[in-house]
Amino acid sequence: GGVPLAGYFVWSLMDNFEWAFGYTKRFGIVYIDYPTQRRIIKDSGYWYRDTIAANGGSL
């Protein structure tokens, strides 16, 4: 039993509206500080990491 799963994708209904906001709205699982280019993982990024590590067990 089971389904062969090749990977996970972070996607939502609202992702399709990103193009309309350009750079004025922040989306994604990593925050970028534009002046320094520093990347900061958001809480959703840690959730995604944990979901992958648990093979989807937290879903």
C-alpha atoms as a PDB file:
ATOM      1  CA  GLY A   1       0.000   0.000   0.000  1.00  0.00           C
ATOM      2  CA  GLY A   2       0.892   3.567  -0.384  1.00  0.00           C
ATOM      3  CA  VAL A   3       1.709   6.032  -3.084  1.00  0.00           C
ATOM      4  CA  PRO A   4       5.180   6.566  -4.566  1.00  0.00           C
ATOM      5  CA  LEU A   5       6.055  10.103  -3.479  1.00  0.00           C
ATOM      6  CA  ALA A   6       8.978  11.881  -5.114  1.00  0.00           C
ATOM      7  CA  GLY A   7       8.882  15.124  -3.121  1.00  0.00           C
ATOM      8  CA  TYR A   8       6.981  17.901  -1.407  1.00  0.00           C
ATOM      9  CA  PHE A   9       6.095  21.332  -2.755  1.00  0.00           C
ATOM     10  CA  VAL A  10       5.152  24.347  -0.650  1.00  0.00           C
ATOM     11  CA  TRP A  11       2.194  25.847  -2.460  1.00  0.00           C
ATOM     12  CA  SER A  12      -1.074  27.513  -1.565  1.00  0.00           C
ATOM     13  CA  LEU A  13      -4.034  29.127  -3.246  1.00  0.00           C
ATOM     14  CA  MET A  14      -2.582  32.565  -2.491  1.00  0.00           C
ATOM     15  CA  ASP A  15       0.713  31.811  -4.279  1.00  0.00           C
ATOM     16  CA  ASN A  16      -0.960  32.533  -7.591  1.00  0.00           C
ATOM     17  CA  PHE A  17      -1.451  36.168  -6.563  1.00  0.00           C
ATOM     18  CA  GLU A  18       2.238  36.895  -5.859  1.00  0.00           C
ATOM     19  CA  TRP A  19       2.905  38.312  -9.310  1.00  0.00           C
ATOM     20  CA  ALA A  20       0.352  41.085  -8.736  1.00  0.00           C
ATOM     21  CA  PHE A  21       2.199  42.442  -5.680  1.00  0.00           C
ATOM     22  CA  GLY A  22       5.731  42.494  -7.073  1.00  0.00           C
ATOM     23  CA  TYR A  23       8.233  43.218  -4.302  1.00  0.00           C
ATOM     24  CA  THR A  24       5.754  45.040  -2.039  1.00  0.00           C
ATOM     25  CA  LYS A  25       4.535  41.877  -0.250  1.00  0.00           C
ATOM     26  CA  ARG A  26       6.734  39.268   1.388  1.00  0.00           C
ATOM     27  CA  PHE A  27       6.007  35.656   0.487  1.00  0.00           C
ATOM     28  CA  GLY A  28       7.929  32.449   0.921  1.00  0.00           C
ATOM     29  CA  ILE A  29       9.554  30.455   3.687  1.00  0.00           C
ATOM     30  CA  VAL A  30      12.733  32.565   3.846  1.00  0.00           C
ATOM     31  CA  TYR A  31      12.859  36.282   4.716  1.00  0.00           C
ATOM     32  CA  ILE A  32      15.474  38.290   2.828  1.00  0.00           C
ATOM     33  CA  ASP A  33      16.902  41.486   4.279  1.00  0.00           C
ATOM     34  CA  TYR A  34      17.437  43.311   0.995  1.00  0.00           C
ATOM     35  CA  PRO A  35      20.176  45.771   2.093  1.00  0.00           C
ATOM     36  CA  THR A  36      22.403  43.005   3.522  1.00  0.00           C
ATOM     37  CA  GLN A  37      21.038  40.073   1.472  1.00  0.00           C
ATOM     38  CA  ARG A  38      20.879  38.086   4.728  1.00  0.00           C
ATOM     39  CA  ARG A  39      18.456  35.157   4.592  1.00  0.00           C
ATOM     40  CA  ILE A  40      16.388  34.317   7.689  1.00  0.00           C
ATOM     41  CA  ILE A  41      14.313  31.153   7.774  1.00  0.00           C
ATOM     42  CA  LYS A  42      10.705  31.846   8.794  1.00  0.00           C
ATOM     43  CA  ASP A  43       8.664  29.600  11.104  1.00  0.00           C
ATOM     44  CA  SER A  44       7.026  28.123   8.007  1.00  0.00           C
ATOM     45  CA  GLY A  45      10.478  27.170   6.726  1.00  0.00           C
ATOM     46  CA  TYR A  46      11.209  25.237   9.898  1.00  0.00           C
ATOM     47  CA  TRP A  47       7.801  23.550   9.641  1.00  0.00           C
ATOM     48  CA  TYR A  48       8.622  22.514   6.068  1.00  0.00           C
ATOM     49  CA  ARG A  49      12.014  21.157   7.156  1.00  0.00           C
ATOM     50  CA  ASP A  50      10.402  19.126   9.931  1.00  0.00           C
ATOM     51  CA  THR A  51       7.690  17.829   7.585  1.00  0.00           C
ATOM     52  CA  ILE A  52      10.296  16.596   5.115  1.00  0.00           C
ATOM     53  CA  ALA A  53      12.408  15.030   7.883  1.00  0.00           C
ATOM     54  CA  ALA A  54       9.331  13.169   9.187  1.00  0.00           C
ATOM     55  CA  ASN A  55       8.362  11.982   5.685  1.00  0.00           C
ATOM     56  CA  GLY A  56       5.118  13.941   5.973  1.00  0.00           C
ATOM     57  CA  GLY A  57       4.356  12.603   9.446  1.00  0.00           C
ATOM     58  CA  SER A  58       3.358  16.047  10.740  1.00  0.00           C
ATOM     59  CA  LEU A  59       0.690  16.538   8.058  1.00  0.00           C
END
